[in-house]
Amino acid sequence: MTLTGEHMAQDKGIIVVVSGFSGTGKGTLMKRLMERYDNYTLSVSMTTREPREGEVDGRDYFFTTDEKFMRLISEGRFIEHAGYCGHYYGTPRDFVEEQLDAGRDVLLEIEVQGALQVKEKFPEALLLFVTAPSAEELSARLHGRGTEDEETIRRRLERAKDEAVCIDRYDYLLVNDDLERCTEEMHQTIRAAHRAPVRNKEFIGEIIRSLGKI
């Protein structure tokens, strides 16, 4: 066997978990990434919260009831699930595994609790945390959206304090101060992750076996 970089883990996609404080532009970043590159698939989460204006079932989220969500948990149908601001969110397992087997990198926009669940089940998953340049900018972005009342914004900022404690458990931190620059940085980070040893055990094993024959 001739060993080249082409034999490294390129056939199967990887799970890319994107978390970050509310208001940091995670969704916009991933949308821009998918517009620019064609090897990504965005996993659609299931949630028990009500749709916001303009959101479409099956495109933005799969909207469901608490009862059905609990039943799917008991059936092991989620890669991860968590509660956030009074509602449940989860990542459907079947869709993600189908996309990975097809060679596509799957983007998961989930909060910290769910991200750590994914990392435990899939150690090779790449965890990215997106933040605003400063706490002041974060607060300004939340107020600037104009979609939530002051109490909801206060809860989101309080939640950010709790999430900040877990940032060091992520693989990379991305500061979203410029959309185009941050999009490219995210793409290059994911491309580099494909060559990480944890995702290329077969290739590394072949190198070791070949060296033993020299």
Protein backbone atom coordinates (compact mmCIF):
# COMPACT_ATOMS: atom_id res chain seq x y z
CA MET A 1 0.00 0.00 0.00
CA THR A 2 1.30 3.42 -0.97
CA LEU A 3 0.66 5.85 1.85
CA THR A 4 -0.50 9.33 0.92
CA GLY A 5 -2.59 11.97 2.58
CA GLU A 6 -5.50 10.83 0.43
CA HIS A 7 -5.77 7.73 2.61
CA MET A 8 -6.42 9.79 5.70
CA ALA A 9 -9.97 9.96 7.01
CA GLN A 10 -11.66 11.77 4.13
CA ASP A 11 -14.40 9.26 3.30
CA LYS A 12 -16.49 9.92 6.41
CA GLY A 13 -17.61 13.29 7.64
CA ILE A 14 -17.06 14.62 11.14
CA ILE A 15 -19.38 16.12 13.71
CA VAL A 16 -18.73 19.82 14.26
CA VAL A 17 -20.42 21.21 17.36
CA VAL A 18 -20.86 24.99 17.36
CA SER A 19 -21.79 26.60 20.67
CA GLY A 20 -21.59 30.12 21.97
CA PHE A 21 -23.32 32.79 23.95
CA SER A 22 -26.73 33.79 22.67
CA GLY A 23 -26.29 36.76 20.34
CA THR A 24 -22.81 35.91 19.05
CA GLY A 25 -23.99 35.10 15.52
CA LYS A 26 -23.57 31.31 15.51
CA GLY A 27 -26.44 30.77 13.12
CA THR A 28 -25.28 33.48 10.74
CA LEU A 29 -21.76 32.02 10.70
CA MET A 30 -22.97 28.55 9.81
CA LYS A 31 -25.32 29.91 7.15
CA ARG A 32 -22.41 31.78 5.56
CA LEU A 33 -20.20 28.69 5.78
CA MET A 34 -22.76 26.61 3.90
CA GLU A 35 -23.22 29.31 1.27
CA ARG A 36 -19.49 29.38 0.60
CA TYR A 37 -18.69 25.65 0.78
CA ASP A 38 -20.68 22.61 -0.29
CA ASN A 39 -19.36 19.88 2.02
CA TYR A 40 -21.41 20.87 5.08
CA THR A 41 -24.83 19.81 6.32
CA LEU A 42 -26.66 21.62 9.10
CA SER A 43 -28.37 19.29 11.53
CA VAL A 44 -31.91 20.38 12.31
CA SER A 45 -32.63 20.18 16.03
CA MET A 46 -35.91 19.22 17.63
CA THR A 47 -37.38 21.57 20.23
CA THR A 48 -40.42 21.94 22.46
CA ARG A 49 -40.48 25.73 22.24
CA GLU A 50 -42.95 27.61 20.07
CA PRO A 51 -41.81 28.74 16.60
CA ARG A 52 -40.64 32.33 16.29
CA GLU A 53 -41.94 34.54 13.52
CA GLY A 54 -40.66 33.29 10.16
CA GLU A 55 -39.41 29.92 11.43
CA VAL A 56 -40.50 26.85 9.46
CA ASP A 57 -40.98 23.37 10.90
CA GLY A 58 -38.40 20.98 9.43
CA ARG A 59 -36.17 23.79 8.21
CA ASP A 60 -35.28 25.79 11.31
CA TYR A 61 -36.33 23.20 13.90
CA PHE A 62 -38.55 20.18 14.27
CA PHE A 63 -41.18 21.55 16.65
CA THR A 64 -42.77 19.03 18.97
CA THR A 65 -44.48 18.51 22.33
CA ASP A 66 -42.91 17.71 25.69
CA GLU A 67 -44.62 14.33 25.65
CA LYS A 68 -43.22 13.26 22.28
CA PHE A 69 -39.77 14.61 23.18
CA MET A 70 -39.68 12.49 26.35
CA ARG A 71 -40.71 9.41 24.37
CA LEU A 72 -37.89 9.93 21.85
CA ILE A 73 -35.40 10.25 24.72
CA SER A 74 -36.53 6.90 26.12
CA GLU A 75 -36.08 5.33 22.67
CA GLY A 76 -32.49 6.62 22.37
CA ARG A 77 -33.30 8.70 19.30
CA PHE A 78 -31.13 11.70 20.19
CA ILE A 79 -27.37 12.15 19.98
CA GLU A 80 -27.79 14.73 22.73
CA HIS A 81 -30.59 16.59 24.44
CA ALA A 82 -30.81 19.34 27.00
CA GLY A 83 -33.07 21.88 28.63
CA TYR A 84 -32.51 25.57 27.93
CA CYS A 85 -34.57 28.55 29.11
CA GLY A 86 -37.57 26.39 29.98
CA HIS A 87 -37.63 24.28 26.80
CA TYR A 88 -36.04 21.07 25.51
CA TYR A 89 -33.70 20.75 22.52
CA GLY A 90 -32.25 17.59 20.95
CA THR A 91 -30.24 16.38 17.94
CA PRO A 92 -31.91 13.50 16.01
CA ARG A 93 -29.47 10.57 15.68
CA ASP A 94 -30.58 9.03 12.37
CA PHE A 95 -30.12 12.15 10.25
CA VAL A 96 -26.63 12.88 11.60
CA GLU A 97 -25.33 9.34 11.06
CA GLU A 98 -26.68 9.23 7.49
CA GLN A 99 -24.88 12.46 6.59
CA LEU A 100 -21.58 11.36 8.18
CA ASP A 101 -21.65 8.09 6.24
CA ALA A 102 -22.23 10.10 3.06
CA GLY A 103 -18.97 11.98 3.72
CA ARG A 104 -20.47 15.29 4.78
CA ASP A 105 -19.40 17.30 7.81
CA VAL A 106 -22.41 17.84 10.06
CA LEU A 107 -22.79 21.16 11.86
CA LEU A 108 -24.59 21.01 15.20
CA GLU A 109 -25.62 24.31 16.78
CA ILE A 110 -26.18 23.29 20.39
CA GLU A 111 -25.56 24.68 23.85
CA VAL A 112 -22.80 23.68 26.24
CA GLN A 113 -24.60 20.88 28.08
CA GLY A 114 -25.47 19.10 24.85
CA ALA A 115 -22.03 19.73 23.34
CA LEU A 116 -20.32 17.92 26.20
CA GLN A 117 -22.73 15.00 25.78
CA VAL A 118 -21.70 14.75 22.13
CA LYS A 119 -17.99 14.85 23.01
CA GLU A 120 -18.47 12.03 25.50
CA LYS A 121 -20.25 9.83 22.95
CA PHE A 122 -18.11 10.91 19.97
CA PRO A 123 -14.56 11.80 21.16
CA GLU A 124 -13.57 12.62 17.58
CA ALA A 125 -16.18 15.41 17.38
CA LEU A 126 -14.82 18.94 16.94
CA LEU A 127 -16.11 21.47 19.48
CA LEU A 128 -16.06 25.17 18.51
CA PHE A 129 -17.14 27.99 20.81
CA VAL A 130 -18.17 31.32 19.29
CA THR A 131 -18.03 34.54 21.27
CA ALA A 132 -18.46 38.25 20.72
CA PRO A 133 -15.37 40.46 21.15
CA SER A 134 -16.57 41.64 24.58
CA ALA A 135 -19.38 41.34 27.13
CA GLU A 136 -20.53 44.85 26.21
CA GLU A 137 -20.80 43.90 22.54
CA LEU A 138 -22.70 40.74 23.48
CA SER A 139 -25.27 42.75 25.44
CA ALA A 140 -25.60 45.25 22.59
CA ARG A 141 -26.25 42.48 20.07
CA LEU A 142 -28.95 40.89 22.24
CA HIS A 143 -30.72 44.21 22.66
CA GLY A 144 -30.26 45.01 18.98
CA ARG A 145 -32.14 41.91 17.82
CA GLY A 146 -35.39 43.36 19.14
CA THR A 147 -36.98 39.90 19.44
CA GLU A 148 -37.00 39.44 23.22
CA ASP A 149 -38.05 41.37 26.30
CA GLU A 150 -35.63 42.68 28.92
CA GLU A 151 -36.21 39.77 31.31
CA THR A 152 -35.35 37.19 28.63
CA ILE A 153 -32.19 39.10 27.73
CA ARG A 154 -31.23 39.21 31.41
CA ARG A 155 -31.64 35.41 31.65
CA ARG A 156 -29.51 34.92 28.55
CA LEU A 157 -26.70 37.05 29.98
CA GLU A 158 -26.89 35.15 33.27
CA ARG A 159 -26.72 31.91 31.30
CA ALA A 160 -23.62 33.20 29.50
CA LYS A 161 -21.84 33.45 32.85
CA ASP A 162 -22.48 29.74 33.48
CA GLU A 163 -21.47 28.76 29.93
CA ALA A 164 -18.19 30.68 30.16
CA VAL A 165 -16.95 28.24 32.81
CA CYS A 166 -17.02 25.41 30.24
CA ILE A 167 -15.22 27.16 27.38
CA ASP A 168 -11.91 25.47 28.20
CA ARG A 169 -13.48 22.10 27.38
CA TYR A 170 -13.87 23.13 23.73
CA ASP A 171 -11.26 22.50 21.04
CA TYR A 172 -11.21 26.05 19.61
CA LEU A 173 -12.50 29.51 20.46
CA LEU A 174 -13.67 31.73 17.58
CA VAL A 175 -14.17 35.48 18.09
CA ASN A 176 -16.88 36.68 15.73
CA ASP A 177 -15.86 40.29 15.20
CA ASP A 178 -15.91 40.06 11.40
CA LEU A 179 -18.29 37.64 9.65
CA GLU A 180 -16.19 36.86 6.57
CA ARG A 181 -12.94 36.41 8.49
CA CYS A 182 -14.58 34.25 11.14
CA THR A 183 -16.32 32.11 8.50
CA GLU A 184 -13.00 31.35 6.81
CA GLU A 185 -11.33 30.67 10.15
CA MET A 186 -14.07 28.19 11.00
CA HIS A 187 -13.70 26.41 7.65
CA GLN A 188 -9.92 26.12 7.93
CA THR A 189 -10.21 24.83 11.50
CA ILE A 190 -12.60 22.09 10.36
CA ARG A 191 -10.37 21.16 7.41
CA ALA A 192 -7.38 20.82 9.75
CA ALA A 193 -9.42 18.67 12.13
CA HIS A 194 -9.84 16.06 9.40
CA ARG A 195 -6.12 15.32 9.75
CA ALA A 196 -6.16 14.91 13.54
CA PRO A 197 -4.74 11.54 14.75
CA VAL A 198 -7.97 10.60 16.51
CA ARG A 199 -9.74 10.57 13.12
CA ASN A 200 -6.97 8.73 11.25
CA LYS A 201 -6.33 5.64 13.34
CA GLU A 202 -6.50 3.30 10.35
CA PHE A 203 -4.02 5.39 8.39
CA ILE A 204 -1.63 5.64 11.35
CA GLY A 205 -1.89 1.89 11.93
CA GLU A 206 -0.91 1.28 8.31
CA ILE A 207 2.13 3.54 8.69
CA ILE A 208 3.25 1.59 11.76
CA ARG A 209 2.77 -1.76 10.02
CA SER A 210 4.66 -0.55 6.95
CA LEU A 211 7.56 0.73 9.04
CA GLY A 212 7.81 -2.70 10.64
CA LYS A 213 8.53 -4.17 7.19
CA ILE A 214 11.47 -1.88 6.50
